[in-house]
Amino acid sequence: MAKTGVLSSDPTLRARARAAELKKELQRLVKTIVDDEDCSVQTIDQAKHTLCALRELRFNTRSSATTMTSSLKLHEPLPCPQEFICPLSKKLMRDPVVLSSGQTYERPFIEKWLKAGNRTCPQTQQVLSHTVLTPNHLASEMISQWCKSQGIELPDPVQNRIQEGVTEAERHHFFSLLDKLSAAALPQQKEAAKELRLLTKNMPSFRSLFGESVDAIPQLLTPLSGTKSRSGVLHTDLQEDVITTLLNLSIHDSNKKLVAETPKVIPLLMEALRFGTIETKSNAAAAIFTLSALDSNKTLIGKSGALKPLIDLLDEGHPLAMKDVASAIFNLCIIHENKARAVRDGAVSVILKKIMDGVLVNELLAILAMLSTHQRAVEEMGELGVVPCLIRIVRESTCERNKENCIAILHTVCLNDRTKLKALREEENAHGTISKLALDGTSRAKRKANGILDRLRKGVNITHTA
């Protein structure tokens, strides 16, 4: 009791205790917001109110401090909340942005990750549906408030968008290389193509130069119209260098629309998917993935017929190209009309076969889940025996995202064909797999699992009534 009396009579200790309570509550709320895809607006408002209460407490305590000693004790810096730390930089975020996976990162560090050619979320390893970065205004506001409460001055966000300057000598060299590509003999074309490939890989400024001239990309493509000699032999090294340069250009955001809308680009990428070396095929698929970050490009690429060679390449199954191909197909199928094209071109059977063989399961399940919103795809999945395969993955997988995608597909398939519920009922009776997921899965997985359990219970009731 004596300790309690001391605490209640000491404003500094009371303030510290209250601040600790508020901080603990704030960390809980922020964790809920970050982890739960379906967190309520009420939870977000509660987090803001808690943060404001903490700020007001700090302000009042600072104002009422009577000595320098007590003030210093009150304003000892608190550990930075883990939710405010970028998983890549391990530092307090200044410009937090949200990736398509739902995870938040510091802008310059996630941009560097994406520009290096990575197409998965660094934390979850989920294949990204797109590479557009969305400012996380809530996290930014909370970090700002926390910094103010700690007396930390937060610098302006690092935009990391300053382009390196291009000298006149570099500009002259760039256009001389393009002239060689469009007018020189084959050996000089090969030399120029290889150098442009390296320059656009290592120097962002050279990527931006392609946007300064309407003729630059057509000039780059000129050699590919004559890559076959009179003997019919394809100059694969020249093709690989040009296609890889297109990939390098497409990384530059302001080039994406320009590259995709240049008339010969998509047909030449499709040709590379069919007839290039495996390195060229992989880079062509990667270029299509990068270009398809824009919705207008998704439509353009889909109408061009690029899904068919991508699906054929996926069917070939070469390990070097698989991830790039899967990423490209996923991105393109975000828009509904491309789902129809993918189903028509045989995507369901190819993807399901790869999943059954244990190949690239994470990425392909994500595509299959996306296609499950298309009626013909759902029917085809049922015909091809998808249910036992997905049930096994739900039972055996340790990946929450895979379980979520499987149960979402199963829910749709069983909604379409009630006879598929029999296998799920047998699985539930034998292992309780669906019930476990309804308790322990992600929020979406829980919803789908409970939906299936409801249908199973209704089925039992109907049987008993009959």
Protein backbone atom coordinates (compact mmCIF):
# COMPACT_ATOMS: atom_id res chain seq x y z
CA MET A 1 0.00 0.00 0.00
CA ALA A 2 2.88 2.34 0.77
CA LYS A 3 4.18 2.01 -2.81
CA THR A 4 0.78 2.82 -4.18
CA GLY A 5 0.60 5.96 -2.08
CA VAL A 6 3.97 7.12 -3.32
CA LEU A 7 2.98 6.58 -6.92
CA SER A 8 -0.34 8.38 -6.57
CA SER A 9 1.28 11.40 -4.95
CA ASP A 10 4.12 11.77 -7.48
CA PRO A 11 2.92 13.43 -10.73
CA THR A 12 6.04 12.38 -12.60
CA LEU A 13 5.61 8.71 -11.73
CA ARG A 14 1.89 8.88 -12.47
CA ALA A 15 2.61 10.40 -15.87
CA ARG A 16 5.18 7.73 -16.64
CA ALA A 17 2.80 4.95 -15.67
CA ARG A 18 0.01 6.45 -17.77
CA ALA A 19 2.38 6.97 -20.71
CA ALA A 20 3.47 3.32 -20.48
CA GLU A 21 -0.18 2.20 -20.54
CA LEU A 22 -0.97 4.38 -23.54
CA LYS A 23 2.12 3.23 -25.40
CA LYS A 24 1.27 -0.42 -24.79
CA GLU A 25 -2.27 0.14 -26.04
CA LEU A 26 -0.97 2.06 -29.08
CA GLN A 27 1.43 -0.77 -30.00
CA ARG A 28 -1.44 -3.27 -29.76
CA LEU A 29 -3.69 -1.19 -31.99
CA VAL A 30 -0.99 -0.50 -34.58
CA LYS A 31 -0.13 -4.21 -34.72
CA THR A 32 -3.83 -5.00 -35.32
CA ILE A 33 -4.01 -2.41 -38.12
CA VAL A 34 -0.85 -3.72 -39.81
CA ASP A 35 -1.65 -7.44 -39.47
CA ASP A 36 -5.40 -7.50 -40.11
CA GLU A 37 -6.47 -6.85 -43.71
CA ASP A 38 -10.03 -6.18 -42.54
CA CYS A 39 -9.34 -3.99 -39.53
CA SER A 40 -12.23 -1.66 -38.76
CA VAL A 41 -12.26 2.11 -39.05
CA GLN A 42 -13.07 2.11 -35.33
CA THR A 43 -9.69 0.48 -34.60
CA ILE A 44 -7.87 3.13 -36.65
CA ASP A 45 -9.76 5.94 -34.89
CA GLN A 46 -8.96 4.34 -31.54
CA ALA A 47 -5.26 4.32 -32.44
CA LYS A 48 -5.42 8.02 -33.35
CA HIS A 49 -7.21 8.88 -30.09
CA THR A 50 -4.66 6.91 -28.09
CA LEU A 51 -1.83 8.70 -29.85
CA CYS A 52 -3.44 12.09 -29.19
CA ALA A 53 -3.89 11.17 -25.51
CA LEU A 54 -0.21 10.27 -25.28
CA ARG A 55 0.74 13.54 -26.95
CA GLU A 56 -1.48 15.55 -24.58
CA LEU A 57 -0.04 13.75 -21.57
CA ARG A 58 3.50 14.56 -22.72
CA PHE A 59 2.60 18.20 -23.31
CA ASN A 60 0.90 18.63 -19.94
CA THR A 61 3.68 16.91 -18.05
CA ARG A 62 6.31 19.02 -19.80
CA SER A 63 4.41 22.21 -18.95
CA SER A 64 4.03 21.31 -15.30
CA ALA A 65 7.65 20.22 -14.78
CA THR A 66 9.22 22.31 -11.99
CA THR A 67 12.87 21.35 -12.24
CA MET A 68 15.31 20.51 -14.99
CA THR A 69 16.01 17.15 -13.36
CA SER A 70 12.40 16.02 -13.35
CA SER A 71 11.97 17.28 -16.90
CA LEU A 72 14.95 15.30 -18.12
CA LYS A 73 13.68 12.17 -16.42
CA LEU A 74 10.24 12.57 -17.98
CA HIS A 75 11.62 13.05 -21.48
CA GLU A 76 13.98 10.10 -21.60
CA PRO A 77 13.50 8.75 -25.14
CA LEU A 78 11.20 5.76 -25.36
CA PRO A 79 12.13 2.85 -27.62
CA CYS A 80 10.78 3.38 -31.11
CA PRO A 81 7.67 1.23 -31.76
CA GLN A 82 8.62 -1.70 -33.97
CA GLU A 83 5.77 -0.84 -36.36
CA PHE A 84 7.53 2.45 -37.21
CA ILE A 85 10.73 0.68 -38.27
CA CYS A 86 11.27 -0.19 -41.95
CA PRO A 87 11.93 -3.96 -42.29
CA LEU A 88 14.60 -3.22 -44.93
CA SER A 89 16.51 -0.26 -43.47
CA LYS A 90 15.89 -1.19 -39.81
CA LYS A 91 15.44 2.54 -39.16
CA LEU A 92 12.56 4.88 -38.37
CA MET A 93 10.52 5.47 -41.51
CA ARG A 94 10.32 9.00 -42.92
CA ASP A 95 8.29 8.28 -46.06
CA PRO A 96 6.28 5.08 -45.40
CA VAL A 97 4.59 3.48 -48.41
CA VAL A 98 2.41 0.38 -48.76
CA LEU A 99 3.31 -2.41 -51.15
CA SER A 100 0.56 -4.40 -52.92
CA SER A 101 1.13 -7.16 -50.31
CA GLY A 102 -0.12 -4.77 -47.62
CA GLN A 103 3.29 -4.39 -45.95
CA THR A 104 4.77 -0.94 -45.22
CA TYR A 105 8.35 0.09 -46.07
CA GLU A 106 10.50 3.22 -46.36
CA ARG A 107 10.10 4.47 -49.93
CA PRO A 108 13.77 4.64 -51.07
CA PHE A 109 14.54 1.16 -49.74
CA ILE A 110 11.55 -0.61 -51.29
CA GLU A 111 12.16 1.29 -54.55
CA LYS A 112 15.72 -0.03 -54.54
CA TRP A 113 14.37 -3.57 -53.92
CA LEU A 114 11.98 -3.29 -56.88
CA LYS A 115 14.52 -1.67 -59.20
CA ALA A 116 16.84 -4.63 -58.53
CA GLY A 117 14.24 -6.77 -60.34
CA ASN A 118 12.57 -8.31 -57.27
CA ARG A 119 8.86 -9.02 -57.74
CA THR A 120 7.96 -10.35 -54.31
CA CYS A 121 7.29 -8.75 -50.94
CA PRO A 122 10.52 -8.86 -48.86
CA GLN A 123 8.63 -9.90 -45.72
CA THR A 124 5.90 -12.26 -46.94
CA GLN A 125 7.54 -13.45 -50.19
CA GLN A 126 4.11 -12.94 -51.80
CA VAL A 127 4.18 -12.31 -55.57
CA LEU A 128 3.24 -8.68 -56.09
CA SER A 129 0.10 -7.94 -58.08
CA HIS A 130 1.65 -4.59 -59.05
CA THR A 131 4.61 -2.40 -58.09
CA VAL A 132 2.71 0.82 -57.43
CA LEU A 133 3.66 2.29 -54.03
CA THR A 134 0.84 3.90 -52.03
CA PRO A 135 1.70 6.50 -49.34
CA ASN A 136 0.76 5.22 -45.88
CA HIS A 137 -0.73 8.44 -44.49
CA LEU A 138 -1.86 6.88 -41.21
CA ALA A 139 1.61 5.49 -40.44
CA SER A 140 3.18 8.79 -41.49
CA GLU A 141 0.90 10.77 -39.13
CA MET A 142 1.53 8.40 -36.23
CA ILE A 143 5.30 8.49 -36.76
CA SER A 144 5.18 12.28 -36.92
CA GLN A 145 3.19 12.50 -33.68
CA TRP A 146 5.54 10.05 -31.95
CA CYS A 147 8.58 12.04 -33.06
CA LYS A 148 7.06 15.26 -31.73
CA SER A 149 6.34 13.61 -28.40
CA GLN A 150 9.99 12.52 -28.22
CA GLY A 151 11.40 15.84 -29.33
CA ILE A 152 12.76 14.28 -32.52
CA GLU A 153 12.93 16.46 -35.61
CA LEU A 154 11.85 14.41 -38.61
CA PRO A 155 13.57 15.51 -41.85
CA ASP A 156 11.62 15.88 -45.07
CA PRO A 157 11.02 12.55 -46.81
CA VAL A 158 13.77 11.43 -49.11
CA GLN A 159 12.08 11.24 -52.48
CA ASN A 160 15.08 9.65 -54.15
CA ARG A 161 13.92 10.88 -57.53
CA ILE A 162 16.86 13.05 -58.54
CA GLN A 163 18.21 11.81 -61.84
CA GLU A 164 21.87 11.81 -62.54
CA GLY A 165 22.86 14.51 -64.98
CA VAL A 166 23.82 13.53 -68.51
CA THR A 167 26.85 15.18 -70.05
CA GLU A 168 26.88 16.27 -73.68
CA ALA A 169 29.54 13.64 -74.34
CA GLU A 170 27.28 10.89 -72.94
CA ARG A 171 24.32 12.19 -74.94
CA HIS A 172 26.41 12.19 -78.12
CA HIS A 173 27.63 8.65 -77.38
CA PHE A 174 24.05 7.47 -76.80
CA PHE A 175 22.82 8.71 -80.17
CA SER A 176 25.91 7.35 -81.94
CA LEU A 177 25.08 3.90 -80.56
CA LEU A 178 21.51 4.20 -81.88
CA ASP A 179 22.87 5.20 -85.30
CA LYS A 180 25.02 2.07 -85.33
CA LEU A 181 22.00 -0.09 -84.49
CA SER A 182 19.95 1.28 -87.37
CA ALA A 183 22.61 1.67 -90.06
CA ALA A 184 25.81 -0.27 -89.32
CA ALA A 185 26.85 -3.77 -90.32
CA LEU A 186 25.94 -6.73 -88.11
CA PRO A 187 29.18 -6.80 -86.01
CA GLN A 188 28.78 -3.10 -85.16
CA GLN A 189 25.10 -3.63 -84.37
CA LYS A 190 25.99 -6.38 -81.93
CA GLU A 191 28.65 -4.22 -80.30
CA ALA A 192 26.27 -1.26 -79.95
CA ALA A 193 23.42 -3.45 -78.59
CA LYS A 194 25.68 -4.99 -75.94
CA GLU A 195 26.94 -1.58 -74.82
CA LEU A 196 23.41 -0.13 -74.59
CA ARG A 197 22.37 -3.14 -72.54
CA LEU A 198 25.15 -2.45 -70.02
CA LEU A 199 24.61 1.31 -69.96
CA THR A 200 20.85 1.03 -69.34
CA LYS A 201 21.49 -1.54 -66.63
CA ASN A 202 24.03 0.52 -64.69
CA MET A 203 23.05 4.13 -65.43
CA PRO A 204 19.44 5.30 -64.87
CA SER A 205 20.26 8.47 -66.82
CA PHE A 206 20.65 6.42 -70.02
CA ARG A 207 17.21 4.89 -69.47
CA SER A 208 15.69 8.35 -69.31
CA LEU A 209 17.42 9.37 -72.55
CA PHE A 210 15.19 6.95 -74.47
CA GLY A 211 12.22 9.12 -73.50
CA GLU A 212 13.75 12.23 -75.05
CA SER A 213 13.51 11.05 -78.66
CA VAL A 214 10.48 9.49 -80.33
CA ASP A 215 12.82 7.55 -82.63
CA ALA A 216 15.08 6.08 -79.94
CA ILE A 217 13.11 2.88 -79.19
CA PRO A 218 12.31 2.15 -82.88
CA GLN A 219 16.04 2.55 -83.61
CA LEU A 220 16.85 0.11 -80.81
CA LEU A 221 14.51 -2.44 -82.40
CA THR A 222 15.81 -2.04 -85.95
CA PRO A 223 18.31 -4.96 -85.82
CA LEU A 224 15.63 -7.45 -84.75
CA SER A 225 13.85 -7.12 -88.09
CA GLY A 226 16.96 -8.64 -89.65
CA THR A 227 18.14 -11.03 -86.93
CA LYS A 228 17.90 -13.96 -89.32
CA SER A 229 20.63 -14.32 -91.86
CA ARG A 230 20.11 -15.70 -95.34
CA SER A 231 20.70 -19.20 -93.96
CA GLY A 232 17.79 -18.71 -91.59
CA VAL A 233 19.96 -18.65 -88.44
CA LEU A 234 18.69 -16.42 -85.63
CA HIS A 235 21.31 -14.09 -84.12
CA THR A 236 20.31 -14.95 -80.57
CA ASP A 237 23.02 -12.87 -78.91
CA LEU A 238 21.76 -9.71 -80.63
CA GLN A 239 18.17 -10.57 -79.77
CA GLU A 240 19.08 -11.14 -76.11
CA ASP A 241 20.87 -7.78 -75.82
CA VAL A 242 18.01 -5.81 -77.39
CA ILE A 243 15.31 -7.57 -75.35
CA THR A 244 17.29 -7.09 -72.13
CA THR A 245 17.70 -3.39 -72.96
CA LEU A 246 13.90 -3.17 -73.30
CA LEU A 247 13.65 -4.73 -69.83
CA ASN A 248 16.08 -2.15 -68.44
CA LEU A 249 14.10 0.68 -70.04
CA SER A 250 10.78 -0.57 -68.66
CA ILE A 251 12.08 -0.31 -65.09
CA HIS A 252 12.08 3.49 -65.51
CA ASP A 253 8.51 4.48 -64.56
CA SER A 254 8.19 7.29 -67.10
CA ASN A 255 9.18 4.86 -69.88
CA LYS A 256 6.52 2.19 -69.26
CA LYS A 257 3.78 3.73 -71.40
CA LEU A 258 6.20 4.82 -74.13
CA VAL A 259 7.83 1.38 -74.41
CA ALA A 260 4.57 -0.60 -74.45
CA GLU A 261 2.91 1.69 -77.01
CA THR A 262 5.83 1.56 -79.45
CA PRO A 263 4.24 -0.61 -82.19
CA LYS A 264 6.90 -3.33 -82.55
CA VAL A 265 7.74 -3.84 -78.85
CA ILE A 266 5.04 -6.30 -77.73
CA PRO A 267 5.24 -8.46 -80.93
CA LEU A 268 9.05 -8.67 -80.55
CA LEU A 269 8.72 -9.61 -76.88
CA MET A 270 6.26 -12.36 -77.88
CA GLU A 271 8.69 -13.58 -80.54
CA ALA A 272 11.42 -13.68 -77.91
CA LEU A 273 9.16 -15.74 -75.62
CA ARG A 274 8.78 -18.31 -78.39
CA PHE A 275 12.17 -18.42 -80.10
CA GLY A 276 14.80 -16.82 -77.85
CA THR A 277 17.41 -18.42 -75.64
CA ILE A 278 16.16 -19.23 -72.16
CA GLU A 279 17.83 -16.05 -70.88
CA THR A 280 16.06 -14.02 -73.57
CA LYS A 281 12.73 -15.70 -72.79
CA SER A 282 13.13 -14.96 -69.10
CA ASN A 283 14.00 -11.30 -69.74
CA ALA A 284 11.10 -10.91 -72.19
CA ALA A 285 8.72 -12.24 -69.52
CA ALA A 286 10.27 -9.89 -66.96
CA ALA A 287 9.81 -6.95 -69.35
CA ILE A 288 6.13 -7.81 -69.82
CA PHE A 289 5.71 -8.03 -66.04
CA THR A 290 7.34 -4.63 -65.51
CA LEU A 291 5.37 -2.95 -68.32
CA SER A 292 2.10 -4.39 -67.01
CA ALA A 293 2.35 -2.29 -63.84
CA LEU A 294 0.18 0.20 -65.78
CA ASP A 295 -3.45 -0.87 -66.26
CA SER A 296 -3.51 0.56 -69.79
CA ASN A 297 -0.52 -1.63 -70.63
CA LYS A 298 -2.25 -4.69 -69.15
CA THR A 299 -5.06 -4.22 -71.66
CA LEU A 300 -2.69 -3.57 -74.55
CA ILE A 301 -0.49 -6.59 -73.79
CA GLY A 302 -3.51 -8.86 -73.29
CA LYS A 303 -5.08 -7.81 -76.61
CA SER A 304 -1.75 -8.46 -78.34
CA GLY A 305 -2.00 -12.16 -77.47
CA ALA A 306 1.00 -12.29 -75.13
CA LEU A 307 -0.69 -14.59 -72.61
CA LYS A 308 -0.50 -17.62 -74.91
CA PRO A 309 3.33 -17.66 -75.29
CA LEU A 310 3.66 -16.93 -71.56
CA ILE A 311 1.47 -19.92 -70.69
CA ASP A 312 3.36 -22.11 -73.16
CA LEU A 313 6.64 -21.06 -71.55
CA LEU A 314 5.20 -21.85 -68.12
CA ASP A 315 4.26 -25.28 -69.44
CA GLU A 316 7.86 -25.82 -70.61
CA GLY A 317 8.86 -25.40 -66.99
CA HIS A 318 12.43 -24.14 -67.32
CA PRO A 319 13.50 -23.07 -63.78
CA LEU A 320 15.27 -19.90 -65.00
CA ALA A 321 12.12 -18.46 -66.55
CA MET A 322 9.36 -19.75 -64.28
CA LYS A 323 9.21 -16.91 -61.73
CA ASP A 324 9.29 -14.15 -64.34
CA VAL A 325 6.58 -15.90 -66.36
CA ALA A 326 4.36 -16.46 -63.31
CA SER A 327 4.78 -12.81 -62.26
CA ALA A 328 3.82 -11.59 -65.74
CA ILE A 329 0.72 -13.82 -65.92
CA PHE A 330 -0.37 -12.74 -62.44
CA ASN A 331 -0.06 -9.05 -63.26
CA LEU A 332 -1.91 -9.34 -66.56
CA CYS A 333 -4.78 -11.31 -65.00
CA ILE A 334 -5.60 -8.56 -62.56
CA ILE A 335 -8.00 -7.17 -65.19
CA HIS A 336 -11.02 -9.34 -65.95
CA GLU A 337 -10.71 -9.48 -69.74
CA ASN A 338 -7.23 -11.00 -69.43
CA LYS A 339 -8.57 -13.69 -67.09
CA ALA A 340 -10.86 -14.81 -69.91
CA ARG A 341 -7.92 -14.83 -72.34
CA ALA A 342 -5.75 -16.83 -69.93
CA VAL A 343 -8.49 -19.43 -69.40
CA ARG A 344 -9.07 -19.68 -73.15
CA ASP A 345 -5.31 -20.17 -73.70
CA GLY A 346 -5.12 -23.13 -71.30
CA ALA A 347 -3.79 -21.48 -68.12
CA VAL A 348 -5.87 -23.52 -65.67
CA SER A 349 -4.66 -26.96 -66.75
CA VAL A 350 -1.01 -25.85 -67.01
CA ILE A 351 -1.04 -24.13 -63.61
CA LEU A 352 -2.82 -27.00 -61.89
CA LYS A 353 -0.36 -29.54 -63.31
CA LYS A 354 2.60 -27.50 -62.01
CA ILE A 355 1.01 -27.17 -58.56
CA MET A 356 0.39 -30.93 -58.40
CA ASP A 357 4.06 -31.43 -59.30
CA GLY A 358 5.08 -29.10 -56.47
CA VAL A 359 6.51 -26.47 -58.81
CA LEU A 360 6.32 -22.76 -57.84
CA VAL A 361 3.30 -23.51 -55.65
CA ASN A 362 3.11 -20.12 -53.88
CA GLU A 363 3.04 -18.03 -57.05
CA LEU A 364 0.79 -20.35 -59.06
CA LEU A 365 -1.78 -20.69 -56.27
CA ALA A 366 -2.06 -16.90 -56.26
CA ILE A 367 -2.80 -16.94 -60.00
CA LEU A 368 -5.29 -19.80 -59.64
CA ALA A 369 -7.10 -17.91 -56.86
CA MET A 370 -7.33 -14.88 -59.12
CA LEU A 371 -8.70 -16.96 -62.02
CA SER A 372 -11.31 -18.51 -59.70
CA THR A 373 -13.42 -15.36 -60.16
CA HIS A 374 -13.99 -16.46 -63.78
CA GLN A 375 -16.86 -18.92 -64.26
CA ARG A 376 -15.25 -21.10 -66.93
CA ALA A 377 -12.06 -21.34 -64.89
CA VAL A 378 -14.03 -22.60 -61.87
CA GLU A 379 -15.76 -25.24 -63.99
CA GLU A 380 -12.44 -26.36 -65.45
CA MET A 381 -10.85 -26.60 -62.00
CA GLY A 382 -13.64 -28.90 -60.87
CA GLU A 383 -13.30 -31.06 -63.98
CA LEU A 384 -9.52 -31.36 -63.53
CA GLY A 385 -9.77 -32.60 -59.93
CA VAL A 386 -8.54 -29.51 -58.09
CA VAL A 387 -10.33 -30.31 -54.81
CA PRO A 388 -8.14 -33.19 -53.48
CA CYS A 389 -4.97 -31.30 -54.42
CA LEU A 390 -6.02 -28.13 -52.60
CA ILE A 391 -7.29 -30.02 -49.55
CA ARG A 392 -3.87 -31.65 -49.21
CA ILE A 393 -2.11 -28.28 -49.39
CA VAL A 394 -4.42 -26.79 -46.73
CA ARG A 395 -3.70 -29.77 -44.45
CA GLU A 396 0.07 -29.95 -44.99
CA SER A 397 1.27 -26.43 -45.86
CA THR A 398 2.83 -24.12 -43.29
CA CYS A 399 2.29 -21.05 -45.50
CA GLU A 400 -0.74 -19.01 -44.38
CA ARG A 401 -1.06 -17.31 -47.76
CA ASN A 402 -1.20 -20.65 -49.58
CA LYS A 403 -3.86 -21.93 -47.21
CA GLU A 404 -5.86 -18.76 -47.76
CA ASN A 405 -5.69 -19.06 -51.56
CA CYS A 406 -6.60 -22.77 -51.43
CA ILE A 407 -9.64 -22.32 -49.21
CA ALA A 408 -10.82 -19.37 -51.33
CA ILE A 409 -10.66 -21.52 -54.48
CA LEU A 410 -12.36 -24.46 -52.71
CA HIS A 411 -15.15 -22.17 -51.51
CA THR A 412 -15.81 -20.97 -55.07
CA VAL A 413 -15.59 -24.46 -56.61
CA CYS A 414 -18.02 -25.92 -54.06
CA LEU A 415 -20.38 -23.00 -54.48
CA ASN A 416 -20.43 -23.83 -58.20
CA ASP A 417 -20.74 -27.61 -57.77
CA ARG A 418 -22.24 -29.01 -54.55
CA THR A 419 -21.00 -32.52 -55.32
CA LYS A 420 -17.46 -31.32 -54.47
CA LEU A 421 -18.56 -30.85 -50.84
CA LYS A 422 -18.33 -34.61 -50.31
CA ALA A 423 -14.53 -34.59 -50.38
CA LEU A 424 -14.45 -31.64 -47.99
CA ARG A 425 -16.85 -33.35 -45.60
CA GLU A 426 -14.65 -36.46 -45.57
CA GLU A 427 -11.56 -34.32 -44.92
CA GLU A 428 -13.30 -32.45 -42.12
CA ASN A 429 -14.50 -35.66 -40.49
CA ALA A 430 -11.08 -37.30 -40.73
CA HIS A 431 -8.77 -34.39 -39.86
CA GLY A 432 -10.85 -31.33 -38.91
CA THR A 433 -8.83 -29.38 -41.48
CA ILE A 434 -11.51 -26.79 -42.30
CA SER A 435 -12.35 -26.15 -38.64
CA LYS A 436 -8.67 -25.58 -37.81
CA LEU A 437 -8.38 -23.02 -40.59
CA ALA A 438 -11.58 -21.31 -39.41
CA LEU A 439 -9.88 -20.81 -36.04
CA ASP A 440 -6.25 -20.13 -36.94
CA GLY A 441 -6.17 -18.84 -40.54
CA THR A 442 -5.90 -15.32 -41.91
CA SER A 443 -9.05 -13.20 -41.70
CA ARG A 444 -9.97 -14.05 -45.31
CA ALA A 445 -9.21 -17.75 -44.79
CA LYS A 446 -11.44 -17.80 -41.70
CA ARG A 447 -14.33 -16.29 -43.67
CA LYS A 448 -14.01 -18.81 -46.50
CA ALA A 449 -13.54 -21.75 -44.12
CA ASN A 450 -16.61 -20.76 -42.11
CA GLY A 451 -18.56 -20.43 -45.36
CA ILE A 452 -17.67 -24.00 -46.28
CA LEU A 453 -18.51 -25.26 -42.76
CA ASP A 454 -21.93 -23.57 -43.01
CA ARG A 455 -22.59 -25.36 -46.29
CA LEU A 456 -21.47 -28.66 -44.79
CA ARG A 457 -23.84 -28.18 -41.83
CA LYS A 458 -26.71 -27.25 -44.15
CA GLY A 459 -26.01 -30.35 -46.17
CA VAL A 460 -26.24 -32.53 -43.05
CA ASN A 461 -29.49 -30.85 -41.99
CA ILE A 462 -31.01 -31.37 -45.42
CA THR A 463 -30.02 -35.05 -45.34
CA HIS A 464 -31.53 -35.52 -41.87
CA THR A 465 -34.73 -33.76 -42.90
CA ALA A 466 -35.03 -35.92 -45.97
